Amino acid sequence: MKPLAGYRELDHDKIQTGYIDWLLETNGLLARLKVKEIKGNGLKYNVRTGRGTAAWTQPNETIVTTTGTTEQRSAAIYSLIKQADVDKFAISTNATQDPTIAELKESADDMAFSLTRGMIHGQTTASGVKNEAKGLFQLTAEIEGETKTDLDGSTTPGAGNNSQVVAAHATSVVLTLDMVDMLNDVVKLGIDCYACSRAVRRKLTSLAKAAGNNLQHDKDELGYMVDMYGGKPLYIVDEIEDAYPDNSSSVLDISSYVLGTSIASGNDNCVLFAINTSEDGFVMLQAQPLKREGPWTPDDVDANRYRFTWYVGFGILSKLAVGLLTGFVVGSST
């Protein structure tokens, strides 16, 4: 599988290539996701939920082994469409900038926002959008069971009903570096990056400095400038918020959470994702690469219309590929 950023090399349409560049301009996590090409409108895959055993034997003994247990999960493909109208009057009269480039760049930014919000919160929260792909929160919840919507963790790594959710506290507590180490323990496929809000990044920087270290600032494999924690890129995803509800007995439930909620007592918790983005990890599913149509002139608008269409979704192909830390704040615990 190629990472999403690699699809720029395959596209000979300069408008489409530029659109992908703008779409990924500030989104290193999205750019690094491997793209799994599929046929049809979704993917069913097996997630291993229990380990099998091998047998130690003597000659002529009966061989007794057990098989691991697996459960089926599914991820659907959805159609993400953005249209952009470039006014012909503006094209004819604007001598200082190119209206087509300006409009298409804004269009790409809009599509990137919708795609990234879906990548994180898709099919969760009270702000969920119809026909949105499942995001990291929902896919992580489904590691426990396909009908699950909450994140049932434990303060002991791997001991919760959802083994991939680590609760920093039963309700809420100030983040420490030890909690990040506990999160690392559950991503047994191997962490290659983290995703968090800006506030969490600032707290990690502060904690690292207090410990006599600092976060390394460097380029990732694709050339994005990022902070490094433990040598792994720490991606800022602005769609991850800092006002999630407090845990209840180590369980985070965001089904009634409204995106954009103001930080207040009881709604000031943060999250941190640890992610493996290999072919067996957190991936983008694609039935059709980003496709451009147009420009054409609509009957009722004096403009050049462009349409960009993407048939996409997301999946976690191994339960050990993602870990989520919940139940912490980055200021004083309330």
C-alpha atoms as a PDB file:
ATOM      1  CA  MET A   1       0.000   0.000   0.000  1.00  0.00           C
ATOM      2  CA  LYS A   2       1.127   3.548  -0.707  1.00  0.00           C
ATOM      3  CA  PRO A   3       0.646   6.390   1.793  1.00  0.00           C
ATOM      4  CA  LEU A   4      -1.948   8.941   0.790  1.00  0.00           C
ATOM      5  CA  ALA A   5       0.768  11.505   0.041  1.00  0.00           C
ATOM      6  CA  GLY A   6       2.227   9.099  -2.524  1.00  0.00           C
ATOM      7  CA  TYR A   7      -0.868   9.372  -4.717  1.00  0.00           C
ATOM      8  CA  ARG A   8       0.342  12.801  -5.860  1.00  0.00           C
ATOM      9  CA  GLU A   9       3.050  11.056  -7.848  1.00  0.00           C
ATOM     10  CA  LEU A  10       0.494   8.998  -9.773  1.00  0.00           C
ATOM     11  CA  ASP A  11      -1.689  11.900 -10.842  1.00  0.00           C
ATOM     12  CA  HIS A  12      -0.946  13.696 -14.095  1.00  0.00           C
ATOM     13  CA  ASP A  13      -3.802  16.178 -13.653  1.00  0.00           C
ATOM     14  CA  LYS A  14      -2.045  19.333 -12.391  1.00  0.00           C
ATOM     15  CA  ILE A  15      -5.237  20.765 -10.893  1.00  0.00           C
ATOM     16  CA  GLN A  16      -5.933  17.544  -9.038  1.00  0.00           C
ATOM     17  CA  THR A  17      -2.310  17.204  -7.881  1.00  0.00           C
ATOM     18  CA  GLY A  18      -2.378  20.749  -6.529  1.00  0.00           C
ATOM     19  CA  TYR A  19      -5.686  20.062  -4.802  1.00  0.00           C
ATOM     20  CA  ILE A  20      -4.200  17.047  -3.000  1.00  0.00           C
ATOM     21  CA  ASP A  21      -1.171  19.147  -2.013  1.00  0.00           C
ATOM     22  CA  TRP A  22      -3.433  21.797  -0.472  1.00  0.00           C
ATOM     23  CA  LEU A  23      -5.594  19.158   1.197  1.00  0.00           C
ATOM     24  CA  LEU A  24      -2.573  17.585   2.915  1.00  0.00           C
ATOM     25  CA  GLU A  25      -0.677  20.839   3.491  1.00  0.00           C
ATOM     26  CA  THR A  26      -1.062  20.841   7.283  1.00  0.00           C
ATOM     27  CA  ASN A  27      -2.226  17.281   7.896  1.00  0.00           C
ATOM     28  CA  GLY A  28       0.743  14.998   8.382  1.00  0.00           C
ATOM     29  CA  LEU A  29      -1.284  12.203   9.988  1.00  0.00           C
ATOM     30  CA  LEU A  30      -3.682  11.978   7.048  1.00  0.00           C
ATOM     31  CA  ALA A  31      -0.785  12.109   4.592  1.00  0.00           C
ATOM     32  CA  ARG A  32       0.995   9.129   6.158  1.00  0.00           C
ATOM     33  CA  LEU A  33      -2.004   6.767   6.226  1.00  0.00           C
ATOM     34  CA  LYS A  34      -1.634   3.756   3.969  1.00  0.00           C
ATOM     35  CA  VAL A  35      -4.415   3.534   1.376  1.00  0.00           C
ATOM     36  CA  LYS A  36      -6.137   0.167   1.013  1.00  0.00           C
ATOM     37  CA  GLU A  37      -7.868  -0.074  -2.344  1.00  0.00           C
ATOM     38  CA  ILE A  38     -11.124  -2.014  -2.187  1.00  0.00           C
ATOM     39  CA  LYS A  39     -13.971  -2.921  -4.501  1.00  0.00           C
ATOM     40  CA  GLY A  40     -17.507  -2.442  -3.268  1.00  0.00           C
ATOM     41  CA  ASN A  41     -18.993  -0.092  -0.697  1.00  0.00           C
ATOM     42  CA  GLY A  42     -17.278  -1.433   2.404  1.00  0.00           C
ATOM     43  CA  LEU A  43     -14.833  -3.848   3.972  1.00  0.00           C
ATOM     44  CA  LYS A  44     -15.374  -6.686   6.432  1.00  0.00           C
ATOM     45  CA  TYR A  45     -12.244  -7.851   8.216  1.00  0.00           C
ATOM     46  CA  ASN A  46     -11.276 -10.048  11.141  1.00  0.00           C
ATOM     47  CA  VAL A  47      -9.810  -8.611  14.320  1.00  0.00           C
ATOM     48  CA  ARG A  48      -7.959 -11.084  16.502  1.00  0.00           C
ATOM     49  CA  THR A  49      -9.351 -10.845  20.021  1.00  0.00           C
ATOM     50  CA  GLY A  50      -7.622 -13.760  21.762  1.00  0.00           C
ATOM     51  CA  ARG A  51      -4.345 -15.644  21.516  1.00  0.00           C
ATOM     52  CA  GLY A  52      -4.081 -19.340  20.684  1.00  0.00           C
ATOM     53  CA  THR A  53      -1.523 -21.781  22.103  1.00  0.00           C
ATOM     54  CA  ALA A  54       1.100 -24.146  20.731  1.00  0.00           C
ATOM     55  CA  ALA A  55       1.936 -27.513  22.281  1.00  0.00           C
ATOM     56  CA  TRP A  56       5.064 -28.753  24.032  1.00  0.00           C
ATOM     57  CA  THR A  57       5.080 -32.530  23.510  1.00  0.00           C
ATOM     58  CA  GLN A  58       6.962 -35.753  24.120  1.00  0.00           C
ATOM     59  CA  PRO A  59       7.251 -38.387  21.370  1.00  0.00           C
ATOM     60  CA  ASN A  60       3.937 -40.116  20.655  1.00  0.00           C
ATOM     61  CA  GLU A  61       1.939 -37.714  22.824  1.00  0.00           C
ATOM     62  CA  THR A  62      -1.359 -36.310  21.619  1.00  0.00           C
ATOM     63  CA  ILE A  63      -0.890 -32.815  20.259  1.00  0.00           C
ATOM     64  CA  VAL A  64      -3.218 -30.368  21.946  1.00  0.00           C
ATOM     65  CA  THR A  65      -3.305 -26.800  20.677  1.00  0.00           C
ATOM     66  CA  THR A  66      -5.883 -24.034  20.728  1.00  0.00           C
ATOM     67  CA  THR A  67      -6.662 -21.530  18.036  1.00  0.00           C
ATOM     68  CA  GLY A  68      -6.882 -17.807  18.587  1.00  0.00           C
ATOM     69  CA  THR A  69     -10.259 -16.111  18.535  1.00  0.00           C
ATOM     70  CA  THR A  70     -11.301 -13.526  15.971  1.00  0.00           C
ATOM     71  CA  GLU A  71     -14.305 -11.293  15.533  1.00  0.00           C
ATOM     72  CA  GLN A  72     -15.534  -9.642  12.373  1.00  0.00           C
ATOM     73  CA  ARG A  73     -15.576  -5.881  12.040  1.00  0.00           C
ATOM     74  CA  SER A  74     -16.762  -3.679   9.201  1.00  0.00           C
ATOM     75  CA  ALA A  75     -15.946  -0.281   7.762  1.00  0.00           C
ATOM     76  CA  ALA A  76     -18.063   1.325   5.073  1.00  0.00           C
ATOM     77  CA  ILE A  77     -17.018   3.546   2.197  1.00  0.00           C
ATOM     78  CA  TYR A  78     -18.729   6.909   1.901  1.00  0.00           C
ATOM     79  CA  SER A  79     -18.802   9.577  -0.778  1.00  0.00           C
ATOM     80  CA  LEU A  80     -17.138  12.878   0.135  1.00  0.00           C
ATOM     81  CA  ILE A  81     -17.916  15.619  -2.411  1.00  0.00           C
ATOM     82  CA  LYS A  82     -16.889  19.268  -2.590  1.00  0.00           C
ATOM     83  CA  GLN A  83     -17.972  21.705  -5.304  1.00  0.00           C
ATOM     84  CA  ALA A  84     -16.308  25.005  -6.047  1.00  0.00           C
ATOM     85  CA  ASP A  85     -17.656  27.832  -8.235  1.00  0.00           C
ATOM     86  CA  VAL A  86     -15.153  30.297  -9.673  1.00  0.00           C
ATOM     87  CA  ASP A  87     -16.998  33.458 -10.678  1.00  0.00           C
ATOM     88  CA  LYS A  88     -16.317  34.438 -14.297  1.00  0.00           C
ATOM     89  CA  PHE A  89     -16.657  38.129 -13.491  1.00  0.00           C
ATOM     90  CA  ALA A  90     -13.886  37.768 -10.892  1.00  0.00           C
ATOM     91  CA  ILE A  91     -11.704  35.943 -13.426  1.00  0.00           C
ATOM     92  CA  SER A  92     -12.112  38.797 -15.929  1.00  0.00           C
ATOM     93  CA  THR A  93     -11.653  41.691 -13.501  1.00  0.00           C
ATOM     94  CA  ASN A  94      -9.175  40.536 -10.858  1.00  0.00           C
ATOM     95  CA  ALA A  95      -5.709  41.650 -11.905  1.00  0.00           C
ATOM     96  CA  THR A  96      -3.921  40.960  -8.595  1.00  0.00           C
ATOM     97  CA  GLN A  97      -4.613  37.298  -7.945  1.00  0.00           C
ATOM     98  CA  ASP A  98      -5.864  34.177  -9.678  1.00  0.00           C
ATOM     99  CA  PRO A  99      -9.485  33.631  -8.540  1.00  0.00           C
ATOM    100  CA  THR A 100      -9.384  29.993  -9.665  1.00  0.00           C
ATOM    101  CA  ILE A 101      -6.402  29.150  -7.453  1.00  0.00           C
ATOM    102  CA  ALA A 102      -7.843  31.080  -4.506  1.00  0.00           C
ATOM    103  CA  GLU A 103     -11.239  29.372  -4.734  1.00  0.00           C
ATOM    104  CA  LEU A 104      -9.854  25.876  -5.257  1.00  0.00           C
ATOM    105  CA  LYS A 105      -7.440  26.278  -2.338  1.00  0.00           C
ATOM    106  CA  GLU A 106     -10.314  27.266  -0.039  1.00  0.00           C
ATOM    107  CA  SER A 107     -12.286  24.321  -1.388  1.00  0.00           C
ATOM    108  CA  ALA A 108      -9.433  21.930  -0.562  1.00  0.00           C
ATOM    109  CA  ASP A 109      -9.246  23.349   2.959  1.00  0.00           C
ATOM    110  CA  ASP A 110     -12.986  22.724   3.413  1.00  0.00           C
ATOM    111  CA  MET A 111     -12.660  19.132   2.204  1.00  0.00           C
ATOM    112  CA  ALA A 112      -9.643  18.547   4.458  1.00  0.00           C
ATOM    113  CA  PHE A 113     -11.629  19.770   7.471  1.00  0.00           C
ATOM    114  CA  SER A 114     -14.555  17.443   6.722  1.00  0.00           C
ATOM    115  CA  LEU A 115     -12.267  14.480   6.053  1.00  0.00           C
ATOM    116  CA  THR A 116     -10.194  15.051   9.194  1.00  0.00           C
ATOM    117  CA  ARG A 117     -13.247  15.542  11.405  1.00  0.00           C
ATOM    118  CA  GLY A 118     -14.575  12.251  10.054  1.00  0.00           C
ATOM    119  CA  MET A 119     -11.203  10.581  10.642  1.00  0.00           C
ATOM    120  CA  ILE A 120     -11.438  11.501  14.349  1.00  0.00           C
ATOM    121  CA  HIS A 121     -15.134  11.782  15.302  1.00  0.00           C
ATOM    122  CA  GLY A 122     -16.930  10.023  12.461  1.00  0.00           C
ATOM    123  CA  GLN A 123     -20.178   8.329  13.584  1.00  0.00           C
ATOM    124  CA  THR A 124     -19.772   9.523  17.178  1.00  0.00           C
ATOM    125  CA  THR A 125     -20.952  12.570  19.194  1.00  0.00           C
ATOM    126  CA  ALA A 126     -24.200  14.496  18.948  1.00  0.00           C
ATOM    127  CA  SER A 127     -22.613  16.477  16.095  1.00  0.00           C
ATOM    128  CA  GLY A 128     -22.271  13.445  13.836  1.00  0.00           C
ATOM    129  CA  VAL A 129     -22.853  14.040  10.140  1.00  0.00           C
ATOM    130  CA  LYS A 130     -25.049  11.694   8.116  1.00  0.00           C
ATOM    131  CA  ASN A 131     -23.136   9.346   5.807  1.00  0.00           C
ATOM    132  CA  GLU A 132     -19.824  10.106   7.530  1.00  0.00           C
ATOM    133  CA  ALA A 133     -17.129   7.422   7.716  1.00  0.00           C
ATOM    134  CA  LYS A 134     -16.267   5.830  11.054  1.00  0.00           C
ATOM    135  CA  GLY A 135     -13.452   7.690  12.798  1.00  0.00           C
ATOM    136  CA  LEU A 136     -10.776   6.781  15.323  1.00  0.00           C
ATOM    137  CA  PHE A 137     -13.045   7.116  18.357  1.00  0.00           C
ATOM    138  CA  GLN A 138     -15.718   4.787  16.940  1.00  0.00           C
ATOM    139  CA  LEU A 139     -13.279   2.290  15.435  1.00  0.00           C
ATOM    140  CA  THR A 140     -11.440   2.108  18.769  1.00  0.00           C
ATOM    141  CA  ALA A 141     -14.723   1.598  20.657  1.00  0.00           C
ATOM    142  CA  GLU A 142     -15.565  -1.286  18.297  1.00  0.00           C
ATOM    143  CA  ILE A 143     -12.419  -3.150  19.303  1.00  0.00           C
ATOM    144  CA  GLU A 144     -14.472  -4.228  22.338  1.00  0.00           C
ATOM    145  CA  GLY A 145     -17.491  -5.110  20.194  1.00  0.00           C
ATOM    146  CA  GLU A 146     -19.020  -3.910  16.933  1.00  0.00           C
ATOM    147  CA  THR A 147     -22.072  -2.456  18.674  1.00  0.00           C
ATOM    148  CA  LYS A 148     -20.040  -0.532  21.261  1.00  0.00           C
ATOM    149  CA  THR A 149     -19.961   3.261  21.253  1.00  0.00           C
ATOM    150  CA  ASP A 150     -18.244   4.072  24.559  1.00  0.00           C
ATOM    151  CA  LEU A 151     -14.579   3.677  25.439  1.00  0.00           C
ATOM    152  CA  ASP A 152     -14.422   1.297  28.384  1.00  0.00           C
ATOM    153  CA  GLY A 153     -10.880   1.477  29.676  1.00  0.00           C
ATOM    154  CA  SER A 154      -8.896   0.774  32.825  1.00  0.00           C
ATOM    155  CA  THR A 155      -6.147   2.494  34.805  1.00  0.00           C
ATOM    156  CA  THR A 156      -4.211  -0.764  34.356  1.00  0.00           C
ATOM    157  CA  PRO A 157      -3.041  -1.068  30.727  1.00  0.00           C
ATOM    158  CA  GLY A 158      -4.923  -3.782  28.842  1.00  0.00           C
ATOM    159  CA  ALA A 159      -7.213  -4.661  31.761  1.00  0.00           C
ATOM    160  CA  GLY A 160     -10.354  -2.812  30.656  1.00  0.00           C
ATOM    161  CA  ASN A 161     -13.262  -4.270  28.739  1.00  0.00           C
ATOM    162  CA  ASN A 162     -11.601  -2.499  25.824  1.00  0.00           C
ATOM    163  CA  SER A 163      -7.958  -3.515  26.068  1.00  0.00           C
ATOM    164  CA  GLN A 164      -6.820  -0.619  23.871  1.00  0.00           C
ATOM    165  CA  VAL A 165      -8.254   2.143  26.067  1.00  0.00           C
ATOM    166  CA  VAL A 166      -6.120   3.304  28.986  1.00  0.00           C
ATOM    167  CA  ALA A 167      -7.845   5.519  31.539  1.00  0.00           C
ATOM    168  CA  ALA A 168      -5.433   7.906  33.205  1.00  0.00           C
ATOM    169  CA  HIS A 169      -7.967   8.091  36.051  1.00  0.00           C
ATOM    170  CA  ALA A 170     -11.440   6.806  36.839  1.00  0.00           C
ATOM    171  CA  THR A 171     -12.687  10.372  36.285  1.00  0.00           C
ATOM    172  CA  SER A 172      -9.976  12.977  35.666  1.00  0.00           C
ATOM    173  CA  VAL A 173      -6.382  13.719  36.628  1.00  0.00           C
ATOM    174  CA  VAL A 174      -3.444  15.837  35.439  1.00  0.00           C
ATOM    175  CA  LEU A 175      -1.377  14.205  32.693  1.00  0.00           C
ATOM    176  CA  THR A 176       2.034  12.695  33.520  1.00  0.00           C
ATOM    177  CA  LEU A 177       4.656  11.053  31.322  1.00  0.00           C
ATOM    178  CA  ASP A 178       4.084   7.727  33.093  1.00  0.00           C
ATOM    179  CA  MET A 179       0.564   7.724  31.656  1.00  0.00           C
ATOM    180  CA  VAL A 180       1.962   8.028  28.134  1.00  0.00           C
ATOM    181  CA  ASP A 181       4.215   5.045  28.844  1.00  0.00           C
ATOM    182  CA  MET A 182       1.135   3.052  29.917  1.00  0.00           C
ATOM    183  CA  LEU A 183      -0.542   4.005  26.639  1.00  0.00           C
ATOM    184  CA  ASN A 184       2.493   2.782  24.705  1.00  0.00           C
ATOM    185  CA  ASP A 185       2.198  -0.622  26.350  1.00  0.00           C
ATOM    186  CA  VAL A 186      -1.116  -1.491  24.669  1.00  0.00           C
ATOM    187  CA  VAL A 187      -0.028  -0.738  21.077  1.00  0.00           C
ATOM    188  CA  LYS A 188       1.807  -4.024  20.674  1.00  0.00           C
ATOM    189  CA  LEU A 189       1.935  -3.776  16.892  1.00  0.00           C
ATOM    190  CA  GLY A 190       4.375  -0.887  17.461  1.00  0.00           C
ATOM    191  CA  ILE A 191       3.752   2.851  17.645  1.00  0.00           C
ATOM    192  CA  ASP A 192       4.851   4.964  14.708  1.00  0.00           C
ATOM    193  CA  CYS A 193       3.056   8.206  15.618  1.00  0.00           C
ATOM    194  CA  TYR A 194       0.780  10.015  18.076  1.00  0.00           C
ATOM    195  CA  ALA A 195      -2.209  12.303  17.496  1.00  0.00           C
ATOM    196  CA  CYS A 196      -3.398  14.958  19.927  1.00  0.00           C
ATOM    197  CA  SER A 197      -4.551  18.547  20.354  1.00  0.00           C
ATOM    198  CA  ARG A 198      -2.244  21.544  20.626  1.00  0.00           C
ATOM    199  CA  ALA A 199      -2.890  21.790  24.365  1.00  0.00           C
ATOM    200  CA  VAL A 200      -1.730  18.201  24.904  1.00  0.00           C
ATOM    201  CA  ARG A 201       1.385  18.846  22.831  1.00  0.00           C
ATOM    202  CA  ARG A 202       2.167  21.895  25.012  1.00  0.00           C
ATOM    203  CA  LYS A 203       1.707  19.815  28.175  1.00  0.00           C
ATOM    204  CA  LEU A 204       4.013  17.079  26.877  1.00  0.00           C
ATOM    205  CA  THR A 205       6.611  19.726  26.049  1.00  0.00           C
ATOM    206  CA  SER A 206       6.336  21.113  29.583  1.00  0.00           C
ATOM    207  CA  LEU A 207       6.602  17.676  31.174  1.00  0.00           C
ATOM    208  CA  ALA A 208       9.613  16.785  29.043  1.00  0.00           C
ATOM    209  CA  LYS A 209      11.392  20.016  30.013  1.00  0.00           C
ATOM    210  CA  ALA A 210      10.645  19.396  33.697  1.00  0.00           C
ATOM    211  CA  ALA A 211      12.245  15.949  33.325  1.00  0.00           C
ATOM    212  CA  GLY A 212      15.397  17.534  31.900  1.00  0.00           C
ATOM    213  CA  ASN A 213      14.612  16.732  28.289  1.00  0.00           C
ATOM    214  CA  ASN A 214      12.756  18.353  25.435  1.00  0.00           C
ATOM    215  CA  LEU A 215      10.641  17.229  22.528  1.00  0.00           C
ATOM    216  CA  GLN A 216      12.789  16.918  19.423  1.00  0.00           C
ATOM    217  CA  HIS A 217      11.662  19.092  16.515  1.00  0.00           C
ATOM    218  CA  ASP A 218      12.357  17.420  13.191  1.00  0.00           C
ATOM    219  CA  LYS A 219      10.867  16.285   9.877  1.00  0.00           C
ATOM    220  CA  ASP A 220       8.903  13.064   9.609  1.00  0.00           C
ATOM    221  CA  GLU A 221       9.326  10.560   6.778  1.00  0.00           C
ATOM    222  CA  LEU A 222       7.217  12.701   4.431  1.00  0.00           C
ATOM    223  CA  GLY A 223       8.943  15.999   5.229  1.00  0.00           C
ATOM    224  CA  TYR A 224       6.355  17.439   7.665  1.00  0.00           C
ATOM    225  CA  MET A 225       7.875  19.432  10.523  1.00  0.00           C
ATOM    226  CA  VAL A 226       6.707  17.817  13.767  1.00  0.00           C
ATOM    227  CA  ASP A 227       7.639  17.395  17.394  1.00  0.00           C
ATOM    228  CA  MET A 228       8.939  13.952  18.287  1.00  0.00           C
ATOM    229  CA  TYR A 229       8.052  12.080  21.460  1.00  0.00           C
ATOM    230  CA  GLY A 230      10.222   9.030  22.020  1.00  0.00           C
ATOM    231  CA  GLY A 231      11.431   9.418  18.452  1.00  0.00           C
ATOM    232  CA  LYS A 232       7.891   9.184  17.050  1.00  0.00           C
ATOM    233  CA  PRO A 233       6.031  12.047  15.321  1.00  0.00           C
ATOM    234  CA  LEU A 234       3.467  13.860  17.463  1.00  0.00           C
ATOM    235  CA  TYR A 235       0.833  15.115  15.022  1.00  0.00           C
ATOM    236  CA  ILE A 236      -1.384  18.034  15.932  1.00  0.00           C
ATOM    237  CA  VAL A 237      -4.952  17.391  14.784  1.00  0.00           C
ATOM    238  CA  ASP A 238      -7.065  20.480  15.409  1.00  0.00           C
ATOM    239  CA  GLU A 239     -10.268  18.459  15.245  1.00  0.00           C
ATOM    240  CA  ILE A 240      -9.262  16.698  18.506  1.00  0.00           C
ATOM    241  CA  GLU A 241     -10.765  18.770  21.308  1.00  0.00           C
ATOM    242  CA  ASP A 242      -9.950  19.520  24.969  1.00  0.00           C
ATOM    243  CA  ALA A 243     -13.439  19.568  26.510  1.00  0.00           C
ATOM    244  CA  TYR A 244     -14.490  15.926  26.507  1.00  0.00           C
ATOM    245  CA  PRO A 245     -16.564  14.800  29.498  1.00  0.00           C
ATOM    246  CA  ASP A 246     -14.891  13.325  32.571  1.00  0.00           C
ATOM    247  CA  ASN A 247     -14.619   9.560  32.641  1.00  0.00           C
ATOM    248  CA  SER A 248     -17.229   7.653  34.604  1.00  0.00           C
ATOM    249  CA  SER A 249     -15.570   4.650  36.295  1.00  0.00           C
ATOM    250  CA  SER A 250     -12.830   4.764  33.634  1.00  0.00           C
ATOM    251  CA  VAL A 251     -15.358   4.882  30.770  1.00  0.00           C
ATOM    252  CA  LEU A 252     -15.412   7.764  28.262  1.00  0.00           C
ATOM    253  CA  ASP A 253     -18.778   8.215  26.557  1.00  0.00           C
ATOM    254  CA  ILE A 254     -18.929  10.924  23.892  1.00  0.00           C
ATOM    255  CA  SER A 255     -22.195   9.841  22.264  1.00  0.00           C
ATOM    256  CA  SER A 256     -23.958  12.984  23.545  1.00  0.00           C
ATOM    257  CA  TYR A 257     -20.907  15.262  23.308  1.00  0.00           C
ATOM    258  CA  VAL A 258     -21.331  18.349  21.114  1.00  0.00           C
ATOM    259  CA  LEU A 259     -18.275  19.320  19.087  1.00  0.00           C
ATOM    260  CA  GLY A 260     -17.053  22.781  20.037  1.00  0.00           C
ATOM    261  CA  THR A 261     -18.140  22.473  23.684  1.00  0.00           C
ATOM    262  CA  SER A 262     -16.448  25.070  25.912  1.00  0.00           C
ATOM    263  CA  ILE A 263     -14.008  23.874  28.561  1.00  0.00           C
ATOM    264  CA  ALA A 264     -15.617  23.765  32.015  1.00  0.00           C
ATOM    265  CA  SER A 265     -15.584  21.610  35.123  1.00  0.00           C
ATOM    266  CA  GLY A 266     -16.727  18.148  34.094  1.00  0.00           C
ATOM    267  CA  ASN A 267     -15.932  18.906  30.448  1.00  0.00           C
ATOM    268  CA  ASP A 268     -12.194  19.506  30.412  1.00  0.00           C
ATOM    269  CA  ASN A 269     -10.719  16.112  29.618  1.00  0.00           C
ATOM    270  CA  CYS A 270      -8.251  15.525  26.795  1.00  0.00           C
ATOM    271  CA  VAL A 271      -7.233  12.423  24.833  1.00  0.00           C
ATOM    272  CA  LEU A 272      -4.058  11.097  23.245  1.00  0.00           C
ATOM    273  CA  PHE A 273      -3.966   8.506  20.460  1.00  0.00           C
ATOM    274  CA  ALA A 274      -0.963   6.226  19.893  1.00  0.00           C
ATOM    275  CA  ILE A 275      -1.153   4.777  16.392  1.00  0.00           C
ATOM    276  CA  ASN A 276       0.434   2.241  14.098  1.00  0.00           C
ATOM    277  CA  THR A 277      -0.086   3.272  10.466  1.00  0.00           C
ATOM    278  CA  SER A 278       1.343   0.184   8.775  1.00  0.00           C
ATOM    279  CA  GLU A 279      -0.668  -1.907   6.292  1.00  0.00           C
ATOM    280  CA  ASP A 280      -2.040  -3.877   9.257  1.00  0.00           C
ATOM    281  CA  GLY A 281      -2.817  -0.805  11.349  1.00  0.00           C
ATOM    282  CA  PHE A 282      -4.965   2.300  11.018  1.00  0.00           C
ATOM    283  CA  VAL A 283      -5.538   2.772   7.290  1.00  0.00           C
ATOM    284  CA  MET A 284      -7.596   4.741   4.810  1.00  0.00           C
ATOM    285  CA  LEU A 285     -10.002   2.710   2.693  1.00  0.00           C
ATOM    286  CA  GLN A 286     -10.562   3.888  -0.858  1.00  0.00           C
ATOM    287  CA  ALA A 287     -12.898   2.699  -3.594  1.00  0.00           C
ATOM    288  CA  GLN A 288     -12.016   5.617  -5.871  1.00  0.00           C
ATOM    289  CA  PRO A 289      -9.111   8.062  -5.623  1.00  0.00           C
ATOM    290  CA  LEU A 290      -9.888  11.756  -5.457  1.00  0.00           C
ATOM    291  CA  LYS A 291     -11.484  12.607  -8.800  1.00  0.00           C
ATOM    292  CA  ARG A 292     -11.976  15.992 -10.465  1.00  0.00           C
ATOM    293  CA  GLU A 293     -14.839  16.885 -12.767  1.00  0.00           C
ATOM    294  CA  GLY A 294     -15.056  20.174 -14.631  1.00  0.00           C
ATOM    295  CA  PRO A 295     -14.834  22.964 -15.077  1.00  0.00           C
ATOM    296  CA  TRP A 296     -18.266  23.418 -16.611  1.00  0.00           C
ATOM    297  CA  THR A 297     -20.769  26.277 -16.552  1.00  0.00           C
ATOM    298  CA  PRO A 298     -24.016  25.577 -14.673  1.00  0.00           C
ATOM    299  CA  ASP A 299     -27.218  26.821 -16.271  1.00  0.00           C
ATOM    300  CA  ASP A 300     -28.029  29.209 -13.416  1.00  0.00           C
ATOM    301  CA  VAL A 301     -24.563  30.490 -12.364  1.00  0.00           C
ATOM    302  CA  ASP A 302     -22.055  32.601 -14.277  1.00  0.00           C
ATOM    303  CA  ALA A 303     -19.112  30.594 -13.006  1.00  0.00           C
ATOM    304  CA  ASN A 304     -16.750  27.745 -13.730  1.00  0.00           C
ATOM    305  CA  ARG A 305     -17.810  24.838 -11.525  1.00  0.00           C
ATOM    306  CA  TYR A 306     -15.430  22.145 -10.288  1.00  0.00           C
ATOM    307  CA  ARG A 307     -16.446  19.014  -8.414  1.00  0.00           C
ATOM    308  CA  PHE A 308     -14.072  16.875  -6.377  1.00  0.00           C
ATOM    309  CA  THR A 309     -15.288  13.418  -5.330  1.00  0.00           C
ATOM    310  CA  TRP A 310     -13.673  10.867  -3.036  1.00  0.00           C
ATOM    311  CA  TYR A 311     -15.023   7.442  -2.028  1.00  0.00           C
ATOM    312  CA  VAL A 312     -13.281   6.854   1.296  1.00  0.00           C
ATOM    313  CA  GLY A 313     -13.456   5.367   4.782  1.00  0.00           C
ATOM    314  CA  PHE A 314     -11.117   4.309   7.580  1.00  0.00           C
ATOM    315  CA  GLY A 315     -10.337   1.026   9.324  1.00  0.00           C
ATOM    316  CA  ILE A 316      -8.248  -0.414  12.167  1.00  0.00           C
ATOM    317  CA  LEU A 317      -7.117  -3.774  10.785  1.00  0.00           C
ATOM    318  CA  SER A 318      -5.488  -5.015  14.010  1.00  0.00           C
ATOM    319  CA  LYS A 319      -6.780  -4.414  17.539  1.00  0.00           C
ATOM    320  CA  LEU A 320      -3.172  -3.893  18.655  1.00  0.00           C
ATOM    321  CA  ALA A 321      -2.603  -1.012  16.209  1.00  0.00           C
ATOM    322  CA  VAL A 322      -4.230   1.828  18.187  1.00  0.00           C
ATOM    323  CA  GLY A 323      -4.274   2.905  21.806  1.00  0.00           C
ATOM    324  CA  LEU A 324      -6.281   5.720  23.409  1.00  0.00           C
ATOM    325  CA  LEU A 325      -5.475   7.537  26.655  1.00  0.00           C
ATOM    326  CA  THR A 326      -8.509   9.135  28.314  1.00  0.00           C
ATOM    327  CA  GLY A 327      -9.395  10.777  31.626  1.00  0.00           C
ATOM    328  CA  PHE A 328      -6.742  13.470  31.887  1.00  0.00           C
ATOM    329  CA  VAL A 329      -6.460  17.233  31.857  1.00  0.00           C
ATOM    330  CA  VAL A 330      -3.521  19.433  30.961  1.00  0.00           C
ATOM    331  CA  GLY A 331      -4.138  22.053  33.660  1.00  0.00           C
ATOM    332  CA  SER A 332      -5.103  21.651  37.297  1.00  0.00           C
ATOM    333  CA  SER A 333      -7.563  18.779  37.714  1.00  0.00           C
ATOM    334  CA  THR A 334     -11.130  19.924  38.335  1.00  0.00           C
END
